[in-house]
Amino acid sequence: LDIAYPVFIQSVYQPGGNSYSRSMRIIHTSLPVGRHVLQTDTVINNEQYRAFDVIRVDGGTADLLTAMHDHVAQTIPKKRMLGTSLFAFDTAEIKRIGIGTLHNILSED
């Protein structure tokens, strides 16, 4: 296996926006990919978060996966690639990314 594309989203809570905090943890949110600085005290899934805390949402989007695939295609000769896979995916993630995007990435044309 040479390539594994990330087809998932994870939300990381950073108290006070400190990216070196030991209290950083993965949480569940429905926020879009990006860095979100809370402007006021907020409750998400029955948990209290304070103003200026940061929730960073990382993960694959159709545009990001396509850009990664284009970069890989230019970097690794096709004859050297033994396999391509997706990781951390389920039906909801496949729908979110789009079957067409995933088909293009995994096709062997």
PDB file of N, CA and C in Angstrom:
ATOM      1  N   LEU A   1       0.849  -1.177   0.000  1.00  0.00           N
ATOM      2  CA  LEU A   1       0.000   0.000   0.000  1.00  0.00           C
ATOM      3  C   LEU A   1       0.891   1.236   0.000  1.00  0.00           C
ATOM      4  N   ASP A   2       0.686   2.115  -0.958  1.00  0.00           N
ATOM      5  CA  ASP A   2       1.481   3.333  -1.049  1.00  0.00           C
ATOM      6  C   ASP A   2       0.742   4.570  -0.559  1.00  0.00           C
ATOM      7  N   ILE A   3      -0.548   4.648  -0.827  1.00  0.00           N
ATOM      8  CA  ILE A   3      -1.313   5.852  -0.531  1.00  0.00           C
ATOM      9  C   ILE A   3      -2.569   5.481   0.255  1.00  0.00           C
ATOM     10  N   ALA A   4      -2.856   6.252   1.302  1.00  0.00           N
ATOM     11  CA  ALA A   4      -4.119   6.117   2.034  1.00  0.00           C
ATOM     12  C   ALA A   4      -4.667   7.531   2.216  1.00  0.00           C
ATOM     13  N   TYR A   5      -5.793   7.802   1.589  1.00  0.00           N
ATOM     14  CA  TYR A   5      -6.400   9.134   1.648  1.00  0.00           C
ATOM     15  C   TYR A   5      -7.325   9.245   2.857  1.00  0.00           C
ATOM     16  N   PRO A   6      -7.264  10.362   3.580  1.00  0.00           N
ATOM     17  CA  PRO A   6      -8.111  10.540   4.768  1.00  0.00           C
ATOM     18  C   PRO A   6      -9.521  10.983   4.406  1.00  0.00           C
ATOM     19  N   VAL A   7     -10.468  10.091   4.622  1.00  0.00           N
ATOM     20  CA  VAL A   7     -11.868  10.411   4.352  1.00  0.00           C
ATOM     21  C   VAL A   7     -12.575  10.425   5.712  1.00  0.00           C
ATOM     22  N   PHE A   8     -12.312  11.447   6.486  1.00  0.00           N
ATOM     23  CA  PHE A   8     -12.904  11.570   7.807  1.00  0.00           C
ATOM     24  C   PHE A   8     -12.838  13.031   8.229  1.00  0.00           C
ATOM     25  N   ILE A   9     -13.558  13.337   9.275  1.00  0.00           N
ATOM     26  CA  ILE A   9     -13.454  14.657   9.898  1.00  0.00           C
ATOM     27  C   ILE A   9     -13.304  14.437  11.394  1.00  0.00           C
ATOM     28  N   GLN A  10     -12.418  15.204  12.017  1.00  0.00           N
ATOM     29  CA  GLN A  10     -12.318  15.171  13.469  1.00  0.00           C
ATOM     30  C   GLN A  10     -12.254  16.603  13.986  1.00  0.00           C
ATOM     31  N   SER A  11     -12.872  16.822  15.114  1.00  0.00           N
ATOM     32  CA  SER A  11     -12.884  18.136  15.747  1.00  0.00           C
ATOM     33  C   SER A  11     -11.994  18.083  16.981  1.00  0.00           C
ATOM     34  N   VAL A  12     -11.059  19.015  17.066  1.00  0.00           N
ATOM     35  CA  VAL A  12     -10.129  19.060  18.190  1.00  0.00           C
ATOM     36  C   VAL A  12     -10.413  20.324  18.991  1.00  0.00           C
ATOM     37  N   TYR A  13     -10.666  20.146  20.275  1.00  0.00           N
ATOM     38  CA  TYR A  13     -10.935  21.265  21.180  1.00  0.00           C
ATOM     39  C   TYR A  13      -9.621  21.735  21.788  1.00  0.00           C
ATOM     40  N   GLN A  14      -9.362  23.052  21.673  1.00  0.00           N
ATOM     41  CA  GLN A  14      -8.158  23.658  22.217  1.00  0.00           C
ATOM     42  C   GLN A  14      -8.574  24.749  23.208  1.00  0.00           C
ATOM     43  N   PRO A  15      -8.508  24.472  24.516  1.00  0.00           N
ATOM     44  CA  PRO A  15      -8.898  25.479  25.498  1.00  0.00           C
ATOM     45  C   PRO A  15      -8.061  26.739  25.351  1.00  0.00           C
ATOM     46  N   GLY A  16      -8.715  27.890  25.283  1.00  0.00           N
ATOM     47  CA  GLY A  16      -8.002  29.157  25.163  1.00  0.00           C
ATOM     48  C   GLY A  16      -7.221  29.303  23.871  1.00  0.00           C
ATOM     49  N   GLY A  17      -7.431  28.387  22.933  1.00  0.00           N
ATOM     50  CA  GLY A  17      -6.720  28.453  21.660  1.00  0.00           C
ATOM     51  C   GLY A  17      -5.296  27.956  21.733  1.00  0.00           C
ATOM     52  N   ASN A  18      -4.889  27.406  22.882  1.00  0.00           N
ATOM     53  CA  ASN A  18      -3.517  26.950  23.076  1.00  0.00           C
ATOM     54  C   ASN A  18      -3.318  25.598  22.409  1.00  0.00           C
ATOM     55  N   SER A  19      -2.540  25.564  21.336  1.00  0.00           N
ATOM     56  CA  SER A  19      -2.333  24.323  20.601  1.00  0.00           C
ATOM     57  C   SER A  19      -1.342  23.388  21.298  1.00  0.00           C
ATOM     58  N   TYR A  20      -0.771  23.809  22.414  1.00  0.00           N
ATOM     59  CA  TYR A  20       0.176  22.960  23.144  1.00  0.00           C
ATOM     60  C   TYR A  20      -0.411  22.486  24.472  1.00  0.00           C
ATOM     61  N   SER A  21      -1.679  22.725  24.692  1.00  0.00           N
ATOM     62  CA  SER A  21      -2.334  22.372  25.948  1.00  0.00           C
ATOM     63  C   SER A  21      -2.491  20.865  26.085  1.00  0.00           C
ATOM     64  N   ARG A  22      -2.279  20.378  27.299  1.00  0.00           N
ATOM     65  CA  ARG A  22      -2.501  18.952  27.574  1.00  0.00           C
ATOM     66  C   ARG A  22      -3.988  18.628  27.602  1.00  0.00           C
ATOM     67  N   SER A  23      -4.836  19.658  27.694  1.00  0.00           N
ATOM     68  CA  SER A  23      -6.265  19.398  27.732  1.00  0.00           C
ATOM     69  C   SER A  23      -6.918  19.406  26.357  1.00  0.00           C
ATOM     70  N   MET A  24      -6.125  19.459  25.298  1.00  0.00           N
ATOM     71  CA  MET A  24      -6.711  19.315  23.962  1.00  0.00           C
ATOM     72  C   MET A  24      -7.359  17.943  23.877  1.00  0.00           C
ATOM     73  N   ARG A  25      -8.514  17.882  23.215  1.00  0.00           N
ATOM     74  CA  ARG A  25      -9.156  16.585  23.054  1.00  0.00           C
ATOM     75  C   ARG A  25     -10.060  16.597  21.829  1.00  0.00           C
ATOM     76  N   ILE A  26     -10.326  15.414  21.337  1.00  0.00           N
ATOM     77  CA  ILE A  26     -11.222  15.265  20.192  1.00  0.00           C
ATOM     78  C   ILE A  26     -12.655  15.294  20.712  1.00  0.00           C
ATOM     79  N   ILE A  27     -13.496  16.080  20.059  1.00  0.00           N
ATOM     80  CA  ILE A  27     -14.903  16.185  20.426  1.00  0.00           C
ATOM     81  C   ILE A  27     -15.752  15.952  19.181  1.00  0.00           C
ATOM     82  N   HIS A  28     -17.052  15.813  19.372  1.00  0.00           N
ATOM     83  CA  HIS A  28     -17.951  15.637  18.230  1.00  0.00           C
ATOM     84  C   HIS A  28     -18.677  16.951  17.966  1.00  0.00           C
ATOM     85  N   THR A  29     -18.565  17.473  16.749  1.00  0.00           N
ATOM     86  CA  THR A  29     -19.294  18.675  16.347  1.00  0.00           C
ATOM     87  C   THR A  29     -19.765  18.495  14.918  1.00  0.00           C
ATOM     88  N   SER A  30     -20.620  19.386  14.485  1.00  0.00           N
ATOM     89  CA  SER A  30     -21.039  19.387  13.082  1.00  0.00           C
ATOM     90  C   SER A  30     -20.505  20.630  12.380  1.00  0.00           C
ATOM     91  N   LEU A  31     -19.467  21.242  12.963  1.00  0.00           N
ATOM     92  CA  LEU A  31     -18.866  22.432  12.350  1.00  0.00           C
ATOM     93  C   LEU A  31     -18.153  22.049  11.056  1.00  0.00           C
ATOM     94  N   PRO A  32     -18.054  22.976  10.113  1.00  0.00           N
ATOM     95  CA  PRO A  32     -17.323  22.688   8.872  1.00  0.00           C
ATOM     96  C   PRO A  32     -15.811  22.678   9.108  1.00  0.00           C
ATOM     97  N   VAL A  33     -15.078  22.119   8.163  1.00  0.00           N
ATOM     98  CA  VAL A  33     -13.621  22.077   8.244  1.00  0.00           C
ATOM     99  C   VAL A  33     -13.088  23.497   8.389  1.00  0.00           C
ATOM    100  N   GLY A  34     -12.146  23.679   9.295  1.00  0.00           N
ATOM    101  CA  GLY A  34     -11.530  24.987   9.518  1.00  0.00           C
ATOM    102  C   GLY A  34     -11.262  25.213  10.994  1.00  0.00           C
ATOM    103  N   ARG A  35     -10.773  26.405  11.297  1.00  0.00           N
ATOM    104  CA  ARG A  35     -10.459  26.799  12.682  1.00  0.00           C
ATOM    105  C   ARG A  35     -11.552  27.746  13.149  1.00  0.00           C
ATOM    106  N   HIS A  36     -12.190  27.412  14.272  1.00  0.00           N
ATOM    107  CA  HIS A  36     -13.314  28.188  14.785  1.00  0.00           C
ATOM    108  C   HIS A  36     -12.962  28.730  16.169  1.00  0.00           C
ATOM    109  N   VAL A  37     -12.884  30.047  16.319  1.00  0.00           N
ATOM    110  CA  VAL A  37     -12.650  30.686  17.608  1.00  0.00           C
ATOM    111  C   VAL A  37     -14.012  31.087  18.159  1.00  0.00           C
ATOM    112  N   LEU A  38     -14.343  30.548  19.321  1.00  0.00           N
ATOM    113  CA  LEU A  38     -15.637  30.851  19.919  1.00  0.00           C
ATOM    114  C   LEU A  38     -15.658  32.303  20.400  1.00  0.00           C
ATOM    115  N   GLN A  39     -16.678  33.028  20.031  1.00  0.00           N
ATOM    116  CA  GLN A  39     -16.784  34.443  20.392  1.00  0.00           C
ATOM    117  C   GLN A  39     -17.468  34.648  21.741  1.00  0.00           C
ATOM    118  N   THR A  40     -18.263  33.680  22.171  1.00  0.00           N
ATOM    119  CA  THR A  40     -18.962  33.748  23.456  1.00  0.00           C
ATOM    120  C   THR A  40     -18.921  32.374  24.097  1.00  0.00           C
ATOM    121  N   ASP A  41     -19.273  32.308  25.372  1.00  0.00           N
ATOM    122  CA  ASP A  41     -19.427  31.006  26.006  1.00  0.00           C
ATOM    123  C   ASP A  41     -20.491  30.239  25.231  1.00  0.00           C
ATOM    124  N   THR A  42     -20.243  28.974  24.981  1.00  0.00           N
ATOM    125  CA  THR A  42     -21.088  28.187  24.090  1.00  0.00           C
ATOM    126  C   THR A  42     -21.281  26.781  24.642  1.00  0.00           C
ATOM    127  N   VAL A  43     -22.429  26.211  24.399  1.00  0.00           N
ATOM    128  CA  VAL A  43     -22.689  24.811  24.757  1.00  0.00           C
ATOM    129  C   VAL A  43     -22.807  24.017  23.456  1.00  0.00           C
ATOM    130  N   ILE A  44     -22.004  22.948  23.356  1.00  0.00           N
ATOM    131  CA  ILE A  44     -22.051  22.049  22.206  1.00  0.00           C
ATOM    132  C   ILE A  44     -22.204  20.644  22.767  1.00  0.00           C
ATOM    133  N   ASN A  45     -23.256  19.953  22.343  1.00  0.00           N
ATOM    134  CA  ASN A  45     -23.513  18.585  22.818  1.00  0.00           C
ATOM    135  C   ASN A  45     -23.464  18.495  24.343  1.00  0.00           C
ATOM    136  N   ASN A  46     -24.124  19.441  24.998  1.00  0.00           N
ATOM    137  CA  ASN A  46     -24.230  19.491  26.463  1.00  0.00           C
ATOM    138  C   ASN A  46     -22.900  19.732  27.181  1.00  0.00           C
ATOM    139  N   GLU A  47     -21.886  20.209  26.475  1.00  0.00           N
ATOM    140  CA  GLU A  47     -20.615  20.566  27.105  1.00  0.00           C
ATOM    141  C   GLU A  47     -20.395  22.057  26.967  1.00  0.00           C
ATOM    142  N   GLN A  48     -19.896  22.671  28.038  1.00  0.00           N
ATOM    143  CA  GLN A  48     -19.657  24.121  28.068  1.00  0.00           C
ATOM    144  C   GLN A  48     -18.257  24.438  27.534  1.00  0.00           C
ATOM    145  N   TYR A  49     -18.200  25.402  26.636  1.00  0.00           N
ATOM    146  CA  TYR A  49     -16.934  25.904  26.108  1.00  0.00           C
ATOM    147  C   TYR A  49     -16.916  27.406  26.327  1.00  0.00           C
ATOM    148  N   ARG A  50     -15.737  27.961  26.545  1.00  0.00           N
ATOM    149  CA  ARG A  50     -15.621  29.380  26.873  1.00  0.00           C
ATOM    150  C   ARG A  50     -15.249  30.207  25.639  1.00  0.00           C
ATOM    151  N   ALA A  51     -15.553  31.494  25.732  1.00  0.00           N
ATOM    152  CA  ALA A  51     -15.148  32.430  24.677  1.00  0.00           C
ATOM    153  C   ALA A  51     -13.636  32.328  24.497  1.00  0.00           C
ATOM    154  N   PHE A  52     -13.192  32.406  23.260  1.00  0.00           N
ATOM    155  CA  PHE A  52     -11.795  32.353  22.840  1.00  0.00           C
ATOM    156  C   PHE A  52     -11.197  30.948  22.856  1.00  0.00           C
ATOM    157  N   ASP A  53     -11.980  29.935  23.264  1.00  0.00           N
ATOM    158  CA  ASP A  53     -11.531  28.566  23.039  1.00  0.00           C
ATOM    159  C   ASP A  53     -11.572  28.334  21.529  1.00  0.00           C
ATOM    160  N   VAL A  54     -10.817  27.369  21.072  1.00  0.00           N
ATOM    161  CA  VAL A  54     -10.755  27.072  19.637  1.00  0.00           C
ATOM    162  C   VAL A  54     -11.215  25.642  19.392  1.00  0.00           C
ATOM    163  N   ILE A  55     -12.012  25.474  18.375  1.00  0.00           N
ATOM    164  CA  ILE A  55     -12.348  24.144  17.877  1.00  0.00           C
ATOM    165  C   ILE A  55     -11.825  24.079  16.448  1.00  0.00           C
ATOM    166  N   ARG A  56     -10.867  23.189  16.256  1.00  0.00           N
ATOM    167  CA  ARG A  56     -10.254  23.020  14.936  1.00  0.00           C
ATOM    168  C   ARG A  56     -10.837  21.757  14.317  1.00  0.00           C
ATOM    169  N   VAL A  57     -11.430  21.907  13.157  1.00  0.00           N
ATOM    170  CA  VAL A  57     -12.036  20.770  12.470  1.00  0.00           C
ATOM    171  C   VAL A  57     -11.131  20.404  11.295  1.00  0.00           C
ATOM    172  N   ASP A  58     -10.559  19.217  11.377  1.00  0.00           N
ATOM    173  CA  ASP A  58      -9.629  18.734  10.356  1.00  0.00           C
ATOM    174  C   ASP A  58     -10.266  17.572   9.611  1.00  0.00           C
ATOM    175  N   GLY A  59      -9.864  17.394   8.378  1.00  0.00           N
ATOM    176  CA  GLY A  59     -10.319  16.217   7.648  1.00  0.00           C
ATOM    177  C   GLY A  59     -10.454  16.471   6.173  1.00  0.00           C
ATOM    178  N   GLY A  60     -10.786  15.396   5.510  1.00  0.00           N
ATOM    179  CA  GLY A  60     -10.880  15.435   4.064  1.00  0.00           C
ATOM    180  C   GLY A  60     -12.129  16.135   3.563  1.00  0.00           C
ATOM    181  N   THR A  61     -11.956  16.906   2.541  1.00  0.00           N
ATOM    182  CA  THR A  61     -13.058  17.462   1.768  1.00  0.00           C
ATOM    183  C   THR A  61     -12.807  17.035   0.331  1.00  0.00           C
ATOM    184  N   ALA A  62     -13.788  17.137  -0.502  1.00  0.00           N
ATOM    185  CA  ALA A  62     -13.613  16.740  -1.910  1.00  0.00           C
ATOM    186  C   ALA A  62     -12.466  17.518  -2.545  1.00  0.00           C
ATOM    187  N   ASP A  63     -12.403  18.829  -2.298  1.00  0.00           N
ATOM    188  CA  ASP A  63     -11.327  19.645  -2.880  1.00  0.00           C
ATOM    189  C   ASP A  63      -9.956  19.234  -2.351  1.00  0.00           C
ATOM    190  N   LEU A  64      -9.862  18.997  -1.031  1.00  0.00           N
ATOM    191  CA  LEU A  64      -8.578  18.602  -0.445  1.00  0.00           C
ATOM    192  C   LEU A  64      -8.126  17.244  -0.977  1.00  0.00           C
ATOM    193  N   LEU A  65      -9.044  16.271  -1.025  1.00  0.00           N
ATOM    194  CA  LEU A  65      -8.664  14.951  -1.524  1.00  0.00           C
ATOM    195  C   LEU A  65      -8.252  14.999  -2.992  1.00  0.00           C
ATOM    196  N   THR A  66      -8.940  15.794  -3.779  1.00  0.00           N
ATOM    197  CA  THR A  66      -8.572  15.939  -5.189  1.00  0.00           C
ATOM    198  C   THR A  66      -7.184  16.572  -5.309  1.00  0.00           C
ATOM    199  N   ALA A  67      -6.909  17.593  -4.514  1.00  0.00           N
ATOM    200  CA  ALA A  67      -5.585  18.235  -4.535  1.00  0.00           C
ATOM    201  C   ALA A  67      -4.494  17.255  -4.087  1.00  0.00           C
ATOM    202  N   MET A  68      -4.787  16.460  -3.049  1.00  0.00           N
ATOM    203  CA  MET A  68      -3.817  15.458  -2.592  1.00  0.00           C
ATOM    204  C   MET A  68      -3.552  14.437  -3.700  1.00  0.00           C
ATOM    205  N   HIS A  69      -4.617  13.982  -4.344  1.00  0.00           N
ATOM    206  CA  HIS A  69      -4.474  13.001  -5.418  1.00  0.00           C
ATOM    207  C   HIS A  69      -3.650  13.581  -6.574  1.00  0.00           C
ATOM    208  N   ASP A  70      -3.923  14.820  -6.951  1.00  0.00           N
ATOM    209  CA  ASP A  70      -3.167  15.461  -8.034  1.00  0.00           C
ATOM    210  C   ASP A  70      -1.684  15.556  -7.668  1.00  0.00           C
ATOM    211  N   HIS A  71      -1.397  15.899  -6.416  1.00  0.00           N
ATOM    212  CA  HIS A  71      -0.001  15.994  -5.966  1.00  0.00           C
ATOM    213  C   HIS A  71       0.673  14.618  -6.020  1.00  0.00           C
ATOM    214  N   VAL A  72      -0.011  13.608  -5.523  1.00  0.00           N
ATOM    215  CA  VAL A  72       0.547  12.251  -5.539  1.00  0.00           C
ATOM    216  C   VAL A  72       0.799  11.805  -6.977  1.00  0.00           C
ATOM    217  N   ALA A  73      -0.150  12.075  -7.868  1.00  0.00           N
ATOM    218  CA  ALA A  73      -0.009  11.659  -9.273  1.00  0.00           C
ATOM    219  C   ALA A  73       1.214  12.305  -9.925  1.00  0.00           C
ATOM    220  N   GLN A  74       1.561  13.517  -9.494  1.00  0.00           N
ATOM    221  CA  GLN A  74       2.729  14.203 -10.053  1.00  0.00           C
ATOM    222  C   GLN A  74       4.031  13.782  -9.370  1.00  0.00           C
ATOM    223  N   THR A  75       3.925  13.192  -8.174  1.00  0.00           N
ATOM    224  CA  THR A  75       5.106  12.881  -7.372  1.00  0.00           C
ATOM    225  C   THR A  75       5.553  11.429  -7.499  1.00  0.00           C
ATOM    226  N   ILE A  76       4.602  10.510  -7.518  1.00  0.00           N
ATOM    227  CA  ILE A  76       4.936   9.082  -7.546  1.00  0.00           C
ATOM    228  C   ILE A  76       4.540   8.501  -8.896  1.00  0.00           C
ATOM    229  N   PRO A  77       5.496   7.922  -9.621  1.00  0.00           N
ATOM    230  CA  PRO A  77       5.151   7.308 -10.906  1.00  0.00           C
ATOM    231  C   PRO A  77       4.118   6.193 -10.707  1.00  0.00           C
ATOM    232  N   LYS A  78       3.137   6.144 -11.577  1.00  0.00           N
ATOM    233  CA  LYS A  78       2.038   5.167 -11.467  1.00  0.00           C
ATOM    234  C   LYS A  78       2.550   3.733 -11.396  1.00  0.00           C
ATOM    235  N   LYS A  79       3.614   3.433 -12.143  1.00  0.00           N
ATOM    236  CA  LYS A  79       4.125   2.052 -12.150  1.00  0.00           C
ATOM    237  C   LYS A  79       4.746   1.655 -10.808  1.00  0.00           C
ATOM    238  N   ARG A  80       5.066   2.632  -9.952  1.00  0.00           N
ATOM    239  CA  ARG A  80       5.642   2.327  -8.639  1.00  0.00           C
ATOM    240  C   ARG A  80       4.583   2.184  -7.550  1.00  0.00           C
ATOM    241  N   MET A  81       3.355   2.582  -7.825  1.00  0.00           N
ATOM    242  CA  MET A  81       2.320   2.533  -6.800  1.00  0.00           C
ATOM    243  C   MET A  81       1.712   1.140  -6.725  1.00  0.00           C
ATOM    244  N   LEU A  82       1.780   0.536  -5.548  1.00  0.00           N
ATOM    245  CA  LEU A  82       1.254  -0.808  -5.363  1.00  0.00           C
ATOM    246  C   LEU A  82      -0.212  -0.814  -4.965  1.00  0.00           C
ATOM    247  N   GLY A  83      -0.673   0.248  -4.325  1.00  0.00           N
ATOM    248  CA  GLY A  83      -2.063   0.260  -3.907  1.00  0.00           C
ATOM    249  C   GLY A  83      -2.481   1.590  -3.333  1.00  0.00           C
ATOM    250  N   THR A  84      -3.760   1.864  -3.446  1.00  0.00           N
ATOM    251  CA  THR A  84      -4.359   3.080  -2.923  1.00  0.00           C
ATOM    252  C   THR A  84      -5.566   2.680  -2.087  1.00  0.00           C
ATOM    253  N   SER A  85      -5.737   3.347  -0.964  1.00  0.00           N
ATOM    254  CA  SER A  85      -6.846   3.015  -0.090  1.00  0.00           C
ATOM    255  C   SER A  85      -7.426   4.279   0.534  1.00  0.00           C
ATOM    256  N   LEU A  86      -8.574   4.133   1.151  1.00  0.00           N
ATOM    257  CA  LEU A  86      -9.208   5.180   1.932  1.00  0.00           C
ATOM    258  C   LEU A  86      -9.195   4.711   3.379  1.00  0.00           C
ATOM    259  N   PHE A  87      -9.060   5.642   4.340  1.00  0.00           N
ATOM    260  CA  PHE A  87      -9.143   5.198   5.721  1.00  0.00           C
ATOM    261  C   PHE A  87     -10.122   6.035   6.520  1.00  0.00           C
ATOM    262  N   ALA A  88     -10.642   5.423   7.575  1.00  0.00           N
ATOM    263  CA  ALA A  88     -11.621   6.034   8.481  1.00  0.00           C
ATOM    264  C   ALA A  88     -12.828   6.549   7.723  1.00  0.00           C
ATOM    265  N   PHE A  89     -13.478   5.679   6.985  1.00  0.00           N
ATOM    266  CA  PHE A  89     -14.655   6.105   6.242  1.00  0.00           C
ATOM    267  C   PHE A  89     -15.855   5.230   6.559  1.00  0.00           C
ATOM    268  N   ASP A  90     -17.014   5.789   6.379  1.00  0.00           N
ATOM    269  CA  ASP A  90     -18.266   5.058   6.489  1.00  0.00           C
ATOM    270  C   ASP A  90     -19.224   5.652   5.464  1.00  0.00           C
ATOM    271  N   THR A  91     -20.439   5.176   5.442  1.00  0.00           N
ATOM    272  CA  THR A  91     -21.394   5.621   4.431  1.00  0.00           C
ATOM    273  C   THR A  91     -21.596   7.133   4.447  1.00  0.00           C
ATOM    274  N   ALA A  92     -21.700   7.725   5.638  1.00  0.00           N
ATOM    275  CA  ALA A  92     -21.911   9.174   5.740  1.00  0.00           C
ATOM    276  C   ALA A  92     -20.723   9.941   5.162  1.00  0.00           C
ATOM    277  N   GLU A  93     -19.514   9.461   5.410  1.00  0.00           N
ATOM    278  CA  GLU A  93     -18.321  10.148   4.895  1.00  0.00           C
ATOM    279  C   GLU A  93     -18.233  10.030   3.376  1.00  0.00           C
ATOM    280  N   ILE A  94     -18.591   8.882   2.846  1.00  0.00           N
ATOM    281  CA  ILE A  94     -18.572   8.698   1.397  1.00  0.00           C
ATOM    282  C   ILE A  94     -19.558   9.664   0.739  1.00  0.00           C
ATOM    283  N   LYS A  95     -20.759   9.782   1.308  1.00  0.00           N
ATOM    284  CA  LYS A  95     -21.746  10.723   0.770  1.00  0.00           C
ATOM    285  C   LYS A  95     -21.244  12.155   0.868  1.00  0.00           C
ATOM    286  N   ARG A  96     -20.593  12.492   1.997  1.00  0.00           N
ATOM    287  CA  ARG A  96     -20.104  13.861   2.207  1.00  0.00           C
ATOM    288  C   ARG A  96     -19.034  14.220   1.168  1.00  0.00           C
ATOM    289  N   ILE A  97     -18.106  13.317   0.914  1.00  0.00           N
ATOM    290  CA  ILE A  97     -17.040  13.572  -0.054  1.00  0.00           C
ATOM    291  C   ILE A  97     -17.585  13.491  -1.472  1.00  0.00           C
ATOM    292  N   GLY A  98     -18.409  12.514  -1.738  1.00  0.00           N
ATOM    293  CA  GLY A  98     -18.968  12.329  -3.077  1.00  0.00           C
ATOM    294  C   GLY A  98     -18.351  11.116  -3.750  1.00  0.00           C
ATOM    295  N   ILE A  99     -19.201  10.209  -4.173  1.00  0.00           N
ATOM    296  CA  ILE A  99     -18.733   8.976  -4.792  1.00  0.00           C
ATOM    297  C   ILE A  99     -17.927   9.254  -6.058  1.00  0.00           C
ATOM    298  N   GLY A 100     -18.296  10.301  -6.803  1.00  0.00           N
ATOM    299  CA  GLY A 100     -17.554  10.634  -8.018  1.00  0.00           C
ATOM    300  C   GLY A 100     -16.112  11.016  -7.723  1.00  0.00           C
ATOM    301  N   THR A 101     -15.904  11.821  -6.676  1.00  0.00           N
ATOM    302  CA  THR A 101     -14.545  12.213  -6.290  1.00  0.00           C
ATOM    303  C   THR A 101     -13.739  10.988  -5.890  1.00  0.00           C
ATOM    304  N   LEU A 102     -14.328  10.125  -5.072  1.00  0.00           N
ATOM    305  CA  LEU A 102     -13.612   8.932  -4.626  1.00  0.00           C
ATOM    306  C   LEU A 102     -13.323   7.985  -5.789  1.00  0.00           C
ATOM    307  N   HIS A 103     -14.246   7.868  -6.713  1.00  0.00           N
ATOM    308  CA  HIS A 103     -14.025   7.021  -7.891  1.00  0.00           C
ATOM    309  C   HIS A 103     -12.841   7.553  -8.701  1.00  0.00           C
ATOM    310  N   ASN A 104     -12.781   8.854  -8.907  1.00  0.00           N
ATOM    311  CA  ASN A 104     -11.666   9.452  -9.664  1.00  0.00           C
ATOM    312  C   ASN A 104     -10.332   9.199  -8.982  1.00  0.00           C
ATOM    313  N   ILE A 105     -10.312   9.277  -7.667  1.00  0.00           N
ATOM    314  CA  ILE A 105      -9.065   9.064  -6.935  1.00  0.00           C
ATOM    315  C   ILE A 105      -8.613   7.611  -7.008  1.00  0.00           C
ATOM    316  N   LEU A 106      -9.559   6.695  -6.923  1.00  0.00           N
ATOM    317  CA  LEU A 106      -9.208   5.274  -6.890  1.00  0.00           C
ATOM    318  C   LEU A 106      -9.123   4.610  -8.262  1.00  0.00           C
ATOM    319  N   SER A 107      -9.574   5.282  -9.308  1.00  0.00           N
ATOM    320  CA  SER A 107      -9.551   4.663 -10.640  1.00  0.00           C
ATOM    321  C   SER A 107      -8.130   4.496 -11.138  1.00  0.00           C
ATOM    322  N   GLU A 108      -7.939   3.512 -11.952  1.00  0.00           N
ATOM    323  CA  GLU A 108      -6.604   3.181 -12.470  1.00  0.00           C
ATOM    324  C   GLU A 108      -6.447   3.538 -13.951  1.00  0.00           C
ATOM    325  N   ASP A 109      -7.044   4.673 -14.387  1.00  0.00           N
ATOM    326  CA  ASP A 109      -6.911   4.989 -15.824  1.00  0.00           C
ATOM    327  C   ASP A 109      -5.509   5.309 -16.177  1.00  0.00           C
TER     328      ASP A 109
END
